[in-house]
Every structure is written in structure tokens, then in C-alpha cells.
């Protein structure tokens, strides 16, 4: 069962190319980040539902009988602090936290690239026993293509904040690509880490 993913509360942009100690530039960067968050509000709100759907699709592709868990009770001030014992199921549940979403420009690069970091937990509601847990980094914080890391799609980079700001549809598409890649990675990792080992062949003489 997949617990519906809640959207992150705010997107951030970060430009490591800004020299340290220059206050006005730091302030300008924060203003840009706020402007970017407002521009991408629809994409931010849609990210949780889109990731939920993608997770169900990818888990089914891996052979699981997956579906969205309805009726999840959430605290209003902290929607991801769920009392698992109150969930309307005894089946294992997949709970995804979006940790950080935005755009990042590295210190030695002029380009902005997507950043989507999340944590995934597959657990039994009755005792909160973890079956699988992992933090996965997409894009800016990735370190090659590994079980916990996915490089950003090479098409998705912008040479300046203004260029990125002027192409919101392309930026939204980059997040859609990230969601699909992350869902596929999580489903494949769950299959790899929870599938029973192959049975040894027995030769009868």
C-alpha cells in the first residue's frame, strides 16, 4: 500500500557561485528563490499526487499488488507524522518524504539543475518494523547512477536564473521526469532488496 505523498512546503533555488560575505547578493538569491517558489506553485502542489501515482504504477510493474492507501489520518501541522498503528490496513505500507525540491547551481558551474531528494520507508504498520528504507538523491546532489542516486536528465539545465524563470513549463517537465525516475528506482530497489534469494538448482542422479 502506498501512503499518498504530501507535497513539499516550499521549493528553493541555490546558487553556490555567489561569493561568500556579499550580503546584497545573498539577499538577492533569497528573493529569487521566493519568486521561483511562487512561479512553480502548481508544480509543487502536483508533485505529491504525481509521485503517488508513479509509485503505484512502478510497483505494479515490479509484480506487486500496489494501490493507494485511502483514509490516512494526518496531523494538520505535521502531515507526515503518521500514527502507523491507526492506518486502515495491516499490509506493508510505503511512506515517502520529499526532503528538498528546487534548483541548484554549483560553485564551479553556471547551470541550474533540478534537485529532488526524498526518503522512502516500507514498513509494517503493526510494529513499524522497517522492511526497506533509503534516501535517494536526484539531480544536483546525485553522485552517479547508484541505488541511492540518479543524475538529472542531461536536457534539463538552465544557464541562468532568468533563463530558468522564463521557461516554467520546461522546469515543470524536468520535475515530472524526476518523479518518474525516482518512482522507478524505488520500486526496483524494493524488488531487489525484498525478493527471496533464488533457489539453488538440485541435480538428481
Protein backbone atom coordinates (compact mmCIF):
# COMPACT_ATOMS: atom_id res chain seq x y z
CA UNK A 1 0.00 0.00 0.00
CA UNK A 2 1.26 3.47 -0.88
CA UNK A 3 0.59 6.30 1.54
CA UNK A 4 -0.25 9.41 -0.53
CA UNK A 5 2.84 11.60 -0.82
CA UNK A 6 2.42 15.09 0.61
CA UNK A 7 3.85 18.00 -1.42
CA UNK A 8 6.88 19.80 -0.05
CA UNK A 9 6.00 23.14 1.54
CA UNK A 10 8.44 25.24 -0.47
CA UNK A 11 10.84 24.97 -3.39
CA UNK A 12 14.28 26.53 -3.14
CA UNK A 13 16.90 27.75 -5.58
CA UNK A 14 20.53 27.88 -4.54
CA UNK A 15 23.44 29.48 -6.36
CA UNK A 16 26.81 28.43 -4.91
CA UNK A 17 28.54 30.74 -7.38
CA UNK A 18 27.68 33.75 -5.24
CA UNK A 19 30.82 34.94 -3.40
CA UNK A 20 30.64 34.48 0.36
CA UNK A 21 30.30 37.56 2.51
CA UNK A 22 28.47 39.75 -0.02
CA UNK A 23 25.20 40.47 1.77
CA UNK A 24 23.28 42.08 -1.07
CA UNK A 25 23.92 39.13 -3.36
CA UNK A 26 22.80 36.71 -0.69
CA UNK A 27 19.62 38.71 -0.22
CA UNK A 28 19.04 38.77 -3.99
CA UNK A 29 19.39 35.00 -4.05
CA UNK A 30 16.74 34.60 -1.35
CA UNK A 31 14.39 36.89 -3.28
CA UNK A 32 14.93 34.83 -6.43
CA UNK A 33 14.23 31.65 -4.50
CA UNK A 34 10.94 33.10 -3.23
CA UNK A 35 9.98 34.22 -6.74
CA UNK A 36 10.78 30.77 -8.10
CA UNK A 37 8.63 29.10 -5.45
CA UNK A 38 5.66 31.28 -6.39
CA UNK A 39 6.19 30.60 -10.10
CA UNK A 40 6.29 26.83 -9.51
CA UNK A 41 3.39 26.64 -7.03
CA UNK A 42 1.25 24.42 -9.28
CA UNK A 43 4.15 22.06 -9.98
CA UNK A 44 4.95 21.93 -6.26
CA UNK A 45 1.38 21.08 -5.30
CA UNK A 46 1.09 18.46 -8.05
CA UNK A 47 4.34 16.71 -7.17
CA UNK A 48 2.92 14.66 -4.30
CA UNK A 49 -0.08 13.26 -6.21
CA UNK A 50 2.04 12.62 -9.33
CA UNK A 51 4.67 10.75 -7.32
CA UNK A 52 1.96 8.69 -5.61
CA UNK A 53 0.54 7.58 -8.96
CA UNK A 54 4.00 6.86 -10.35
CA UNK A 55 4.91 4.72 -7.33
CA UNK A 56 1.80 2.57 -7.71
CA UNK A 57 2.47 2.16 -11.43
CA UNK A 58 6.10 1.17 -10.95
CA UNK A 59 5.38 -1.21 -8.06
CA UNK A 60 2.77 -2.97 -10.19
CA UNK A 61 5.35 -3.22 -12.99
CA UNK A 62 7.65 -4.95 -10.48
CA UNK A 63 4.95 -7.50 -9.73
CA UNK A 64 3.45 -6.06 -6.53
CA UNK A 65 -0.27 -5.70 -5.86
CA UNK A 66 0.05 -1.98 -5.13
CA UNK A 67 -2.62 0.60 -4.55
CA UNK A 68 -3.07 3.98 -2.86
CA UNK A 69 -4.00 3.77 0.81
CA UNK A 70 -7.05 5.92 1.44
CA UNK A 71 -8.22 7.25 4.80
CA UNK A 72 -4.81 8.15 6.23
CA UNK A 73 -5.19 10.34 9.34
CA UNK A 74 -2.60 13.14 9.43
CA UNK A 75 -1.83 15.85 12.00
CA UNK A 76 -2.70 19.21 10.44
CA UNK A 77 0.57 20.85 11.50
CA UNK A 78 2.80 17.92 10.51
CA UNK A 79 1.11 15.76 7.87
CA UNK A 80 3.94 13.22 7.62
CA UNK A 81 3.94 12.38 11.34
CA UNK A 82 1.57 9.47 10.90
CA UNK A 83 0.49 7.07 13.63
CA UNK A 84 1.01 3.88 11.64
CA UNK A 85 -0.97 1.83 14.15
CA UNK A 86 -4.08 3.77 13.12
CA UNK A 87 -3.73 3.08 9.40
CA UNK A 88 -6.67 1.20 7.86
CA UNK A 89 -4.51 -1.73 6.75
CA UNK A 90 -2.27 -4.47 8.10
CA UNK A 91 -0.33 -4.77 4.82
CA UNK A 92 3.15 -3.21 4.48
CA UNK A 93 2.96 0.49 3.62
CA UNK A 94 5.32 2.67 1.60
CA UNK A 95 5.82 6.13 3.07
CA UNK A 96 7.73 8.73 1.04
CA UNK A 97 9.04 12.04 2.40
CA UNK A 98 10.09 14.78 -0.01
CA UNK A 99 13.10 16.30 1.75
CA UNK A 100 14.21 19.01 -0.67
CA UNK A 101 12.99 20.17 -4.07
CA UNK A 102 14.29 23.04 -6.15
CA UNK A 103 17.09 24.16 -8.47
CA UNK A 104 20.79 24.28 -7.72
CA UNK A 105 23.76 25.94 -9.36
CA UNK A 106 27.09 24.50 -8.19
CA UNK A 107 30.10 26.62 -7.25
CA UNK A 108 32.02 25.80 -10.43
CA UNK A 109 29.05 25.74 -12.80
CA UNK A 110 26.82 28.42 -14.26
CA UNK A 111 23.97 25.97 -14.87
CA UNK A 112 20.92 25.42 -12.70
CA UNK A 113 19.84 21.77 -12.49
CA UNK A 114 16.88 20.10 -10.72
CA UNK A 115 17.23 18.87 -7.17
CA UNK A 116 14.74 16.34 -5.78
CA UNK A 117 15.75 14.48 -2.63
CA UNK A 118 13.46 12.07 -0.80
CA UNK A 119 13.41 9.34 1.81
CA UNK A 120 11.47 6.11 1.37
CA UNK A 121 10.29 3.70 4.06
CA UNK A 122 8.50 0.39 3.58
CA UNK A 123 7.23 -0.84 6.95
CA UNK A 124 4.67 -2.96 8.75
CA UNK A 125 2.08 -0.75 10.46
CA UNK A 126 1.54 -3.08 13.41
CA UNK A 127 5.05 -2.73 14.83
CA UNK A 128 6.70 -0.17 12.50
CA UNK A 129 9.24 -2.81 11.52
CA UNK A 130 11.18 -1.46 8.52
CA UNK A 131 11.38 -3.73 5.51
CA UNK A 132 13.19 -1.21 3.34
CA UNK A 133 14.47 2.32 3.87
CA UNK A 134 16.60 4.60 1.72
CA UNK A 135 17.31 8.22 0.92
CA UNK A 136 17.60 8.90 -2.80
CA UNK A 137 19.08 11.97 -4.49
CA UNK A 138 18.00 13.11 -7.94
CA UNK A 139 19.92 15.70 -9.93
CA UNK A 140 22.00 18.28 -8.11
CA UNK A 141 23.05 16.10 -5.17
CA UNK A 142 23.41 12.84 -7.07
CA UNK A 143 26.70 11.00 -7.25
CA UNK A 144 26.43 8.84 -10.33
CA UNK A 145 23.80 6.23 -11.11
CA UNK A 146 23.54 4.08 -7.99
CA UNK A 147 20.77 2.63 -5.86
CA UNK A 148 20.52 5.94 -3.97
CA UNK A 149 21.46 8.38 -6.71
CA UNK A 150 20.06 9.44 -10.09
CA UNK A 151 21.79 12.06 -12.28
CA UNK A 152 19.48 14.68 -13.76
CA UNK A 153 18.35 14.27 -17.34
CA UNK A 154 21.00 15.97 -19.49
CA UNK A 155 18.34 18.05 -21.26
CA UNK A 156 17.34 19.80 -18.06
CA UNK A 157 19.74 22.60 -17.26
CA UNK A 158 19.49 26.38 -17.50
CA UNK A 159 22.41 28.77 -17.82
CA UNK A 160 20.97 31.47 -15.54
CA UNK A 161 18.14 32.12 -13.13
CA UNK A 162 16.42 34.35 -15.68
CA UNK A 163 16.53 31.68 -18.36
CA UNK A 164 15.04 29.18 -15.94
CA UNK A 165 12.40 31.67 -14.78
CA UNK A 166 11.34 32.34 -18.36
CA UNK A 167 10.69 28.64 -19.08
CA UNK A 168 8.39 27.38 -16.30
CA UNK A 169 6.86 24.66 -18.48
CA UNK A 170 10.29 23.15 -19.16
CA UNK A 171 11.14 23.30 -15.46
CA UNK A 172 7.86 21.57 -14.60
CA UNK A 173 8.66 18.88 -17.15
CA UNK A 174 12.05 18.34 -15.53
CA UNK A 175 10.30 17.57 -12.25
CA UNK A 176 7.92 15.16 -14.00
CA UNK A 177 10.96 13.31 -15.36
CA UNK A 178 12.49 13.28 -11.88
CA UNK A 179 9.31 11.85 -10.37
CA UNK A 180 9.14 9.03 -12.88
CA UNK A 181 12.84 8.20 -12.42
CA UNK A 182 12.58 8.21 -8.63
CA UNK A 183 9.45 6.03 -8.62
CA UNK A 184 11.11 3.51 -10.92
CA UNK A 185 14.26 3.49 -8.76
CA UNK A 186 12.32 2.95 -5.52
CA UNK A 187 10.23 0.11 -6.97
CA UNK A 188 13.32 -1.59 -8.42
CA UNK A 189 15.20 -1.19 -5.12
CA UNK A 190 12.32 -2.68 -3.15
CA UNK A 191 12.20 -5.63 -5.53
CA UNK A 192 15.98 -6.12 -5.31
CA UNK A 193 16.10 -5.88 -1.52
CA UNK A 194 12.98 -7.83 -0.59
CA UNK A 195 12.79 -10.54 -3.26
CA UNK A 196 13.63 -14.01 -1.91
CA UNK A 197 17.03 -15.40 -3.00
CA UNK A 198 16.95 -17.74 -5.99
CA UNK A 199 16.56 -21.38 -5.08
CA UNK A 200 19.64 -23.48 -5.73
CA UNK A 201 19.35 -25.95 -8.55
CA UNK A 202 19.15 -29.58 -7.46
CA UNK A 203 20.64 -32.29 -9.65
CA UNK A 204 19.04 -35.72 -9.34
CA UNK A 205 21.25 -38.67 -10.21
